[in-house]
Amino acid sequence: MDHIEQQIAAYKQEIQAFEPATAADLEAFRIKFLGTKGIVKAISGEMANVPKEQKREFGLLLNGFKQFVEERYAQFEHLKDGAGAAATDADFTLPAEPHRLGTRHPISIVRNNIISIFERLGFAIAEGPEIEDDWHNFTALNLPENHPARDMQDTFYISKSPDWLLRTHTSSVQVREMEKGKLPIRIICPGRVYRNETISARAHCFFHQVEGLYIDENVSFADLKQTLYHFVKELFGEDTRIRFRPSYFPFTEPSAEMDISCLICGGKGCNVCKHTGWVEILGCGMVHPKVLENCGIDPEKYTGFAFGMGIERITMLKYQIKDLRLFSENDVRFLEQFEGTV
């Protein structure tokens, strides 16, 4: 016991004089005194050699020494906080780099703009499934089997008998809304559609549409024209010129296509407008009476108009983008150009 007491007294003098300058010095102290092979453990091992009647006295002496070492070590634990900063050679007082947020896709930006314009005119949003049956996608829209207009739309068929397919237009949503029989109807139908086309700068196998439908008593072609006039002026500006051309669609009669003055050349003529000064942006017309009948609506009492446009075409004109494939390539350099756009 006398020998152990002398050892502990010497160690206490050494510990009392200990003044670490770095975290490494503090760690060396911990290992020497408190480590698994340290001095405290070594002295504890002497318990087996202490006579039974002195074990209590030895235990008190040992616990006091261990507590003395731990308290001295705790006085310098603040050095460990600086160890991480020194090891990484970083200044944690500097402001952090800003976290970059993503931006909306140009298709989403234009889609939201289109929706906002028509919502202010009282149109509600209607959505439907992208996998459709033949009735809602073709037959109800006055395109019976073997109708030549079906050849205009290269369709992705999923199964035959019955026919299931990826919808070729969002007109199928209009059919579903008309079948509900809740009149009047004033809706727009935004969504993705699919056609089996060769991918190029001007065509893709999937794209996005917004179609509109208004059915009520005494709806006329004049209502259609004024609605679309307002839409174009709101989206492209007051200086945009507009014209209607007669056309053909099996689900509308009469039918028309609407052109606007080319935004790239200002109507002077360029490669985009094929030197005509005009660019077609949508198709429209009065809902065919046969379509109303197919959906359980009395064509003698109700009339309506419909229109449809490709969002990609609108976006390309609005932002003067010349390659349709850019929209689906996920090129960050392209998408970053629309940061801050609403």
Protein backbone atom coordinates (compact mmCIF):
# COMPACT_ATOMS: atom_id res chain seq x y z
CA MET A 1 0.00 0.00 0.00
CA ASP A 2 2.82 2.36 0.82
CA HIS A 3 4.39 1.71 -2.59
CA ILE A 4 1.09 2.35 -4.40
CA GLU A 5 0.46 5.53 -2.45
CA GLN A 6 3.90 6.80 -3.44
CA GLN A 7 3.17 6.01 -7.11
CA ILE A 8 -0.19 7.79 -7.04
CA ALA A 9 1.34 10.84 -5.37
CA ALA A 10 3.99 11.04 -8.10
CA TYR A 11 1.40 10.66 -10.84
CA LYS A 12 -0.74 13.42 -9.29
CA GLN A 13 2.20 15.82 -9.41
CA GLU A 14 2.74 14.94 -13.07
CA ILE A 15 -0.95 15.38 -13.82
CA GLN A 16 -1.15 18.66 -11.95
CA ALA A 17 1.69 20.04 -14.06
CA PHE A 18 0.12 18.79 -17.31
CA GLU A 19 -0.76 21.67 -19.69
CA PRO A 20 -1.72 20.35 -23.17
CA ALA A 21 -1.33 22.71 -26.14
CA THR A 22 -3.14 20.67 -28.77
CA ALA A 23 -5.82 18.05 -29.09
CA ALA A 24 -3.07 15.53 -29.83
CA ASP A 25 -1.45 16.24 -26.45
CA LEU A 26 -4.81 15.74 -24.74
CA GLU A 27 -5.38 12.45 -26.54
CA ALA A 28 -1.92 11.21 -25.51
CA PHE A 29 -2.80 12.06 -21.87
CA ARG A 30 -6.06 10.12 -22.13
CA ILE A 31 -4.36 7.06 -23.54
CA LYS A 32 -1.59 7.14 -20.92
CA PHE A 33 -3.85 7.43 -17.87
CA LEU A 34 -7.41 6.41 -18.90
CA GLY A 35 -6.82 4.06 -21.83
CA THR A 36 -7.49 0.31 -21.73
CA LYS A 37 -3.78 -0.24 -21.03
CA GLY A 38 -3.32 2.99 -19.06
CA ILE A 39 -2.00 3.69 -15.58
CA VAL A 40 -5.41 3.68 -13.87
CA LYS A 41 -6.14 0.20 -15.26
CA ALA A 42 -2.68 -1.01 -14.25
CA ILE A 43 -3.09 0.16 -10.65
CA SER A 44 -6.57 -1.38 -10.54
CA GLY A 45 -4.95 -4.71 -11.39
CA GLU A 46 -3.05 -4.59 -8.10
CA MET A 47 -6.31 -5.23 -6.25
CA ALA A 48 -5.64 -8.94 -6.47
CA ASN A 49 -2.41 -8.54 -4.50
CA VAL A 50 -3.89 -6.41 -1.70
CA PRO A 51 -4.70 -8.21 1.56
CA LYS A 52 -8.40 -8.64 2.22
CA GLU A 53 -8.45 -6.33 5.20
CA GLN A 54 -6.94 -3.51 3.09
CA LYS A 55 -9.10 -3.87 -0.03
CA ARG A 56 -11.62 -1.21 1.09
CA GLU A 57 -8.85 1.28 1.79
CA PHE A 58 -7.23 0.49 -1.57
CA GLY A 59 -10.57 0.90 -3.40
CA LEU A 60 -11.11 4.36 -1.93
CA LEU A 61 -7.56 5.37 -2.86
CA LEU A 62 -7.95 4.08 -6.41
CA ASN A 63 -11.37 5.74 -7.00
CA GLY A 64 -10.02 9.06 -5.74
CA PHE A 65 -7.09 8.85 -8.14
CA LYS A 66 -9.31 7.94 -11.10
CA GLN A 67 -11.66 10.85 -10.35
CA PHE A 68 -8.66 13.19 -10.10
CA VAL A 69 -7.43 12.11 -13.55
CA GLU A 70 -10.91 12.45 -15.18
CA GLU A 71 -11.46 15.92 -13.77
CA ARG A 72 -8.06 17.09 -15.05
CA TYR A 73 -8.84 15.64 -18.48
CA ALA A 74 -12.26 17.34 -18.54
CA GLN A 75 -10.62 20.74 -18.00
CA PHE A 76 -9.09 20.57 -21.49
CA GLU A 77 -11.86 18.87 -23.50
CA HIS A 78 -12.49 22.13 -25.37
CA LEU A 79 -9.34 21.35 -27.36
CA LYS A 80 -11.17 18.49 -29.08
CA ASP A 81 -13.65 20.94 -30.73
CA GLY A 82 -10.82 22.67 -32.55
CA ALA A 83 -9.37 19.37 -33.72
CA GLY A 84 -12.04 18.85 -36.36
CA ALA A 85 -11.61 22.32 -37.80
CA ALA A 86 -7.84 21.94 -37.95
CA ALA A 87 -8.08 18.49 -39.53
CA THR A 88 -10.43 19.65 -42.30
CA ASP A 89 -8.68 22.99 -42.75
CA ALA A 90 -12.08 24.69 -43.02
CA ASP A 91 -13.36 27.94 -41.56
CA PHE A 92 -16.75 27.17 -40.09
CA THR A 93 -17.45 30.85 -39.49
CA LEU A 94 -17.79 31.49 -43.22
CA PRO A 95 -21.35 31.66 -44.66
CA ALA A 96 -22.52 28.48 -46.37
CA GLU A 97 -22.85 28.20 -50.13
CA PRO A 98 -26.45 28.84 -51.23
CA HIS A 99 -28.51 25.73 -51.94
CA ARG A 100 -29.58 25.87 -55.58
CA LEU A 101 -33.23 25.18 -56.23
CA GLY A 102 -34.60 23.80 -59.47
CA THR A 103 -36.81 25.68 -61.90
CA ARG A 104 -40.03 24.88 -63.66
CA HIS A 105 -39.86 23.12 -67.00
CA PRO A 106 -40.78 25.42 -69.93
CA ILE A 107 -43.67 23.09 -70.82
CA SER A 108 -45.03 23.46 -67.27
CA ILE A 109 -44.60 27.24 -67.39
CA VAL A 110 -46.62 27.61 -70.61
CA ARG A 111 -49.19 25.02 -69.49
CA ASN A 112 -49.83 26.97 -66.29
CA ASN A 113 -50.10 30.23 -68.26
CA ILE A 114 -52.67 28.71 -70.62
CA ILE A 115 -54.68 27.29 -67.73
CA SER A 116 -54.61 30.62 -65.90
CA ILE A 117 -56.02 32.49 -68.92
CA PHE A 118 -58.94 30.11 -69.42
CA GLU A 119 -59.67 29.87 -65.70
CA ARG A 120 -60.26 33.63 -65.72
CA LEU A 121 -62.83 33.02 -68.46
CA GLY A 122 -64.70 30.54 -66.27
CA PHE A 123 -63.28 27.28 -67.64
CA ALA A 124 -62.78 24.43 -65.18
CA ILE A 125 -59.99 21.84 -65.45
CA ALA A 126 -60.90 18.25 -66.36
CA GLU A 127 -58.53 15.29 -66.52
CA GLY A 128 -58.83 11.69 -67.63
CA PRO A 129 -56.83 8.46 -68.09
CA GLU A 130 -53.93 8.27 -70.53
CA ILE A 131 -54.87 4.66 -71.39
CA GLU A 132 -58.20 4.80 -73.23
CA ASP A 133 -60.66 2.53 -75.00
CA ASP A 134 -61.62 2.91 -78.64
CA TRP A 135 -65.02 4.42 -77.86
CA HIS A 136 -63.79 7.45 -75.93
CA ASN A 137 -60.75 8.07 -78.15
CA PHE A 138 -62.33 7.52 -81.59
CA THR A 139 -65.88 6.25 -82.04
CA ALA A 140 -67.72 8.73 -79.80
CA LEU A 141 -65.88 11.53 -81.64
CA ASN A 142 -67.46 10.56 -84.96
CA LEU A 143 -64.53 8.36 -86.05
CA PRO A 144 -66.17 4.94 -86.54
CA GLU A 145 -64.12 1.91 -87.52
CA ASN A 146 -62.43 2.26 -90.95
CA HIS A 147 -63.00 6.02 -90.94
CA PRO A 148 -60.20 7.56 -93.04
CA ALA A 149 -59.50 10.21 -90.37
CA ARG A 150 -58.10 7.46 -88.13
CA ASP A 151 -55.14 7.24 -90.48
CA MET A 152 -54.20 10.80 -89.49
CA GLN A 153 -53.30 9.57 -86.00
CA ASP A 154 -50.64 6.86 -85.69
CA THR A 155 -51.81 5.08 -82.56
CA PHE A 156 -50.01 3.03 -79.92
CA TYR A 157 -52.38 0.09 -79.38
CA ILE A 158 -52.06 -1.90 -76.16
CA SER A 159 -54.54 -4.65 -77.02
CA LYS A 160 -57.12 -5.67 -79.60
CA SER A 161 -60.69 -6.93 -79.03
CA PRO A 162 -61.42 -4.85 -77.12
CA ASP A 163 -59.19 -2.02 -78.30
CA TRP A 164 -57.11 -0.32 -75.63
CA LEU A 165 -54.60 2.33 -76.57
CA LEU A 166 -52.55 5.29 -75.42
CA ARG A 167 -54.78 8.29 -76.04
CA THR A 168 -53.93 10.28 -79.16
CA HIS A 169 -55.61 13.48 -77.90
CA THR A 170 -57.28 14.79 -74.77
CA SER A 171 -60.62 14.90 -76.60
CA SER A 172 -61.35 11.62 -74.81
CA VAL A 173 -61.65 13.65 -71.60
CA GLN A 174 -64.29 15.83 -73.27
CA VAL A 175 -66.29 12.72 -74.12
CA ARG A 176 -66.17 11.52 -70.52
CA GLU A 177 -67.35 14.91 -69.28
CA MET A 178 -70.22 15.05 -71.80
CA GLU A 179 -71.35 11.56 -70.82
CA LYS A 180 -71.89 12.79 -67.26
CA GLY A 181 -74.81 14.89 -68.57
CA LYS A 182 -74.11 17.85 -66.29
CA LEU A 183 -74.83 20.85 -68.49
CA PRO A 184 -73.67 23.47 -69.26
CA ILE A 185 -70.04 22.37 -69.73
CA ARG A 186 -67.10 24.76 -69.82
CA ILE A 187 -63.80 22.89 -69.40
CA ILE A 188 -60.21 22.69 -70.57
CA CYS A 189 -58.39 19.35 -70.68
CA PRO A 190 -54.60 19.56 -70.31
CA GLY A 191 -52.54 16.39 -70.50
CA ARG A 192 -49.99 14.18 -72.23
CA VAL A 193 -50.86 12.32 -75.44
CA TYR A 194 -49.06 9.73 -77.57
CA ARG A 195 -48.65 9.11 -81.29
CA ASN A 196 -46.41 6.67 -83.14
CA GLU A 197 -44.30 9.24 -84.97
CA THR A 198 -40.61 9.45 -85.81
CA ILE A 199 -38.81 11.68 -83.33
CA SER A 200 -37.33 14.77 -84.94
CA ALA A 201 -36.85 18.49 -84.35
CA ARG A 202 -40.56 19.06 -85.07
CA ALA A 203 -42.25 15.81 -83.95
CA HIS A 204 -42.19 13.42 -81.01
CA CYS A 205 -43.91 10.19 -79.93
CA PHE A 206 -45.37 11.96 -76.88
CA PHE A 207 -46.35 15.58 -76.36
CA HIS A 208 -48.81 17.72 -74.42
CA GLN A 209 -52.15 19.23 -75.35
CA VAL A 210 -54.74 21.59 -73.94
CA GLU A 211 -58.22 21.14 -75.35
CA GLY A 212 -61.29 23.18 -74.53
CA LEU A 213 -65.03 22.53 -74.65
CA TYR A 214 -68.02 24.80 -74.10
CA ILE A 215 -71.57 23.44 -74.43
CA ASP A 216 -74.71 25.38 -73.60
CA GLU A 217 -77.80 26.75 -75.27
CA ASN A 218 -77.23 29.24 -78.10
CA VAL A 219 -73.42 28.88 -78.28
CA SER A 220 -72.19 30.24 -81.62
CA PHE A 221 -69.02 30.39 -83.69
CA ALA A 222 -68.72 34.04 -82.67
CA ASP A 223 -68.31 32.87 -79.05
CA LEU A 224 -65.50 30.57 -80.17
CA LYS A 225 -63.68 33.33 -82.08
CA GLN A 226 -63.88 35.87 -79.29
CA THR A 227 -62.67 33.32 -76.73
CA LEU A 228 -59.63 32.46 -78.84
CA TYR A 229 -58.95 36.11 -79.71
CA HIS A 230 -58.78 36.90 -76.00
CA PHE A 231 -56.56 33.89 -75.33
CA VAL A 232 -53.99 34.80 -78.01
CA LYS A 233 -53.81 38.46 -76.95
CA GLU A 234 -53.28 37.45 -73.33
CA LEU A 235 -50.58 34.87 -74.09
CA PHE A 236 -48.65 36.48 -76.95
CA GLY A 237 -49.45 40.17 -76.62
CA GLU A 238 -51.81 42.76 -78.06
CA ASP A 239 -49.79 43.20 -81.26
CA THR A 240 -50.26 39.58 -82.35
CA ARG A 241 -52.32 39.23 -85.54
CA ILE A 242 -54.80 36.35 -85.89
CA ARG A 243 -56.54 34.62 -88.76
CA PHE A 244 -58.89 31.64 -89.16
CA ARG A 245 -58.71 29.17 -92.06
CA PRO A 246 -61.38 26.61 -92.98
CA SER A 247 -60.32 23.05 -92.15
CA TYR A 248 -61.73 19.59 -91.46
CA PHE A 249 -62.05 17.60 -88.25
CA PRO A 250 -64.54 14.73 -87.93
CA PHE A 251 -65.71 15.89 -84.48
CA THR A 252 -66.46 19.53 -85.38
CA GLU A 253 -68.55 21.19 -88.11
CA PRO A 254 -67.71 23.80 -89.26
CA SER A 255 -64.01 23.41 -88.49
CA ALA A 256 -61.12 25.87 -88.64
CA GLU A 257 -57.44 26.26 -87.91
CA MET A 258 -56.16 29.40 -86.26
CA ASP A 259 -52.88 31.07 -87.24
CA ILE A 260 -50.97 33.84 -85.53
CA SER A 261 -48.35 36.17 -86.99
CA CYS A 262 -44.88 34.64 -86.66
CA LEU A 263 -43.24 35.81 -83.44
CA ILE A 264 -39.74 35.15 -84.72
CA CYS A 265 -39.81 37.28 -87.86
CA GLY A 266 -42.71 39.53 -86.91
CA GLY A 267 -44.71 38.36 -89.92
CA LYS A 268 -42.02 39.25 -92.45
CA GLY A 269 -41.27 35.63 -93.39
CA CYS A 270 -38.63 33.17 -92.13
CA ASN A 271 -37.78 29.46 -92.09
CA VAL A 272 -40.02 28.82 -89.08
CA CYS A 273 -43.15 30.18 -90.78
CA LYS A 274 -41.99 28.93 -94.19
CA HIS A 275 -41.80 32.54 -95.36
CA THR A 276 -45.57 33.03 -95.05
CA GLY A 277 -45.50 35.22 -91.95
CA TRP A 278 -48.10 32.94 -90.27
CA VAL A 279 -47.85 29.98 -87.87
CA GLU A 280 -50.71 27.59 -87.10
CA ILE A 281 -51.24 27.08 -83.35
CA LEU A 282 -54.57 25.28 -82.90
CA GLY A 283 -57.61 23.64 -84.44
CA CYS A 284 -61.19 24.45 -83.49
CA GLY A 285 -64.83 24.31 -84.54
CA MET A 286 -68.42 23.79 -83.49
CA VAL A 287 -69.05 20.41 -81.87
CA HIS A 288 -70.51 18.00 -84.44
CA PRO A 289 -74.17 17.11 -83.70
CA LYS A 290 -73.27 13.41 -84.02
CA VAL A 291 -70.77 13.77 -81.18
CA LEU A 292 -73.44 15.34 -78.98
CA GLU A 293 -75.81 12.47 -79.78
CA ASN A 294 -73.16 9.87 -78.97
CA CYS A 295 -72.71 11.44 -75.56
CA GLY A 296 -76.45 11.68 -74.78
CA ILE A 297 -76.85 15.43 -75.39
CA ASP A 298 -79.76 16.80 -77.44
CA PRO A 299 -78.20 18.61 -80.48
CA GLU A 300 -81.51 20.39 -81.12
CA LYS A 301 -81.27 22.15 -77.76
CA TYR A 302 -77.55 22.47 -77.13
CA THR A 303 -74.62 23.62 -79.22
CA GLY A 304 -70.99 24.05 -78.36
CA PHE A 305 -67.48 24.71 -79.54
CA ALA A 306 -64.20 22.88 -79.03
CA PHE A 307 -60.54 23.68 -79.63
CA GLY A 308 -57.21 22.00 -79.12
CA MET A 309 -53.56 23.06 -79.18
CA GLY A 310 -50.14 21.50 -78.63
CA ILE A 311 -48.29 23.01 -75.68
CA GLU A 312 -44.91 22.26 -77.28
CA ARG A 313 -45.83 24.29 -80.35
CA ILE A 314 -46.90 27.23 -78.20
CA THR A 315 -43.74 26.99 -76.09
CA MET A 316 -41.47 26.89 -79.14
CA LEU A 317 -43.09 30.03 -80.49
CA LYS A 318 -43.12 31.88 -77.19
CA TYR A 319 -39.44 31.20 -76.39
CA GLN A 320 -38.19 30.79 -79.99
CA ILE A 321 -37.02 27.20 -79.47
CA LYS A 322 -36.22 25.42 -82.73
CA ASP A 323 -35.83 21.77 -81.60
CA LEU A 324 -38.69 19.87 -79.98
CA ARG A 325 -36.32 17.23 -78.58
CA LEU A 326 -34.82 19.70 -76.11
CA PHE A 327 -37.95 19.45 -73.96
CA SER A 328 -37.33 15.79 -73.07
CA GLU A 329 -33.51 15.54 -73.01
CA ASN A 330 -33.16 16.84 -69.42
CA ASP A 331 -30.23 19.04 -70.38
CA VAL A 332 -29.63 21.28 -67.35
CA ARG A 333 -27.99 23.93 -69.53
CA PHE A 334 -31.24 24.26 -71.49
CA LEU A 335 -33.54 24.18 -68.47
CA GLU A 336 -31.53 26.76 -66.50
CA GLN A 337 -32.43 29.37 -69.13
CA PHE A 338 -35.98 29.44 -67.73
CA GLU A 339 -34.96 30.13 -64.13
CA GLY A 340 -37.12 32.89 -62.75
CA THR A 341 -39.68 32.58 -65.57
CA VAL A 342 -43.32 32.35 -64.50
